[in-house]
Amino acid sequence: MVLKGALVDEDKFKIALTEADINLKTATYVVYDVETTGLSSIYDDIIEIAAVKIQNGFVVDEFSTF
């Protein structure tokens, strides 16, 4: 099996919507995870998505689906 991966060229594509320094202890943000059957966007599928909303350092909401 051959695994392929790609890194995002951050000079061309912004990973964050803002370049501002944000204190994660007081910010509200979402952490997400995507599980797939492989690394190919053509041949593989998304099998699970999960997200956790963090507010002031505490989990305030969760979501997951298969």
C-alpha atoms as a PDB file:
ATOM      1  CA  MET A   1       0.000   0.000   0.000  1.00  0.00           C
ATOM      2  CA  VAL A   2       1.275   3.466  -0.878  1.00  0.00           C
ATOM      3  CA  LEU A   3       0.187   6.367   1.327  1.00  0.00           C
ATOM      4  CA  LYS A   4       0.028   9.828  -0.137  1.00  0.00           C
ATOM      5  CA  GLY A   5      -0.268  13.083   1.711  1.00  0.00           C
ATOM      6  CA  ALA A   6      -0.092  16.768   0.928  1.00  0.00           C
ATOM      7  CA  LEU A   7       0.822  19.777   2.991  1.00  0.00           C
ATOM      8  CA  VAL A   8      -0.900  23.102   2.583  1.00  0.00           C
ATOM      9  CA  ASP A   9       1.301  25.832   1.149  1.00  0.00           C
ATOM     10  CA  GLU A  10       0.548  28.504   3.719  1.00  0.00           C
ATOM     11  CA  ASP A  11       1.905  31.222   1.427  1.00  0.00           C
ATOM     12  CA  LYS A  12      -0.914  30.469  -1.040  1.00  0.00           C
ATOM     13  CA  PHE A  13      -3.686  29.284   1.301  1.00  0.00           C
ATOM     14  CA  LYS A  14      -4.578  30.730   4.678  1.00  0.00           C
ATOM     15  CA  ILE A  15      -5.119  28.089   7.362  1.00  0.00           C
ATOM     16  CA  ALA A  16      -6.811  30.581   9.686  1.00  0.00           C
ATOM     17  CA  LEU A  17      -9.283  33.295   8.776  1.00  0.00           C
ATOM     18  CA  THR A  18      -7.301  35.883  10.705  1.00  0.00           C
ATOM     19  CA  GLU A  19      -3.659  36.324  11.557  1.00  0.00           C
ATOM     20  CA  ALA A  20      -4.533  37.970  14.894  1.00  0.00           C
ATOM     21  CA  ASP A  21      -3.075  36.554  18.086  1.00  0.00           C
ATOM     22  CA  ILE A  22      -5.960  34.921  19.968  1.00  0.00           C
ATOM     23  CA  ASN A  23      -5.843  33.797  23.602  1.00  0.00           C
ATOM     24  CA  LEU A  24      -7.304  30.281  23.471  1.00  0.00           C
ATOM     25  CA  LYS A  25      -8.033  30.356  27.217  1.00  0.00           C
ATOM     26  CA  THR A  26     -10.722  33.005  26.670  1.00  0.00           C
ATOM     27  CA  ALA A  27     -11.694  32.416  23.042  1.00  0.00           C
ATOM     28  CA  THR A  28     -14.614  30.475  21.607  1.00  0.00           C
ATOM     29  CA  TYR A  29     -13.606  28.014  18.880  1.00  0.00           C
ATOM     30  CA  VAL A  30     -14.393  24.592  17.403  1.00  0.00           C
ATOM     31  CA  VAL A  31     -12.006  21.653  17.194  1.00  0.00           C
ATOM     32  CA  TYR A  32     -12.986  19.088  14.577  1.00  0.00           C
ATOM     33  CA  ASP A  33     -11.893  15.649  13.453  1.00  0.00           C
ATOM     34  CA  VAL A  34     -12.662  13.887  10.177  1.00  0.00           C
ATOM     35  CA  GLU A  35     -12.159  10.137   9.828  1.00  0.00           C
ATOM     36  CA  THR A  36     -11.802   8.642   6.350  1.00  0.00           C
ATOM     37  CA  THR A  37     -11.269   5.236   4.769  1.00  0.00           C
ATOM     38  CA  GLY A  38      -8.039   6.496   3.199  1.00  0.00           C
ATOM     39  CA  LEU A  39      -6.191   9.529   1.911  1.00  0.00           C
ATOM     40  CA  SER A  40      -7.665   9.778  -1.580  1.00  0.00           C
ATOM     41  CA  SER A  41     -10.417  12.334  -2.175  1.00  0.00           C
ATOM     42  CA  ILE A  42     -11.409  10.321  -5.254  1.00  0.00           C
ATOM     43  CA  TYR A  43     -11.441   6.712  -4.024  1.00  0.00           C
ATOM     44  CA  ASP A  44     -12.036   6.996  -0.270  1.00  0.00           C
ATOM     45  CA  ASP A  45     -14.956   8.164   1.848  1.00  0.00           C
ATOM     46  CA  ILE A  46     -15.579  10.200   4.972  1.00  0.00           C
ATOM     47  CA  ILE A  47     -16.898   7.799   7.610  1.00  0.00           C
ATOM     48  CA  GLU A  48     -17.087   9.999  10.715  1.00  0.00           C
ATOM     49  CA  ILE A  49     -17.117  13.680  11.635  1.00  0.00           C
ATOM     50  CA  ALA A  50     -16.803  15.018  15.167  1.00  0.00           C
ATOM     51  CA  ALA A  51     -16.595  18.524  16.610  1.00  0.00           C
ATOM     52  CA  VAL A  52     -16.205  20.058  20.045  1.00  0.00           C
ATOM     53  CA  LYS A  53     -17.002  23.700  20.811  1.00  0.00           C
ATOM     54  CA  ILE A  54     -14.660  25.252  23.366  1.00  0.00           C
ATOM     55  CA  GLN A  55     -15.555  28.443  25.239  1.00  0.00           C
ATOM     56  CA  ASN A  56     -13.279  29.945  27.900  1.00  0.00           C
ATOM     57  CA  GLY A  57     -11.363  26.659  28.080  1.00  0.00           C
ATOM     58  CA  PHE A  58     -14.432  24.470  28.659  1.00  0.00           C
ATOM     59  CA  VAL A  59     -16.333  22.123  26.332  1.00  0.00           C
ATOM     60  CA  VAL A  60     -19.772  23.702  25.832  1.00  0.00           C
ATOM     61  CA  ASP A  61     -21.101  21.599  22.946  1.00  0.00           C
ATOM     62  CA  GLU A  62     -20.273  18.405  21.054  1.00  0.00           C
ATOM     63  CA  PHE A  63     -21.279  16.829  17.759  1.00  0.00           C
ATOM     64  CA  SER A  64     -20.436  13.527  16.100  1.00  0.00           C
ATOM     65  CA  THR A  65     -21.919  11.405  13.364  1.00  0.00           C
ATOM     66  CA  PHE A  66     -20.985   8.276  11.414  1.00  0.00           C
END
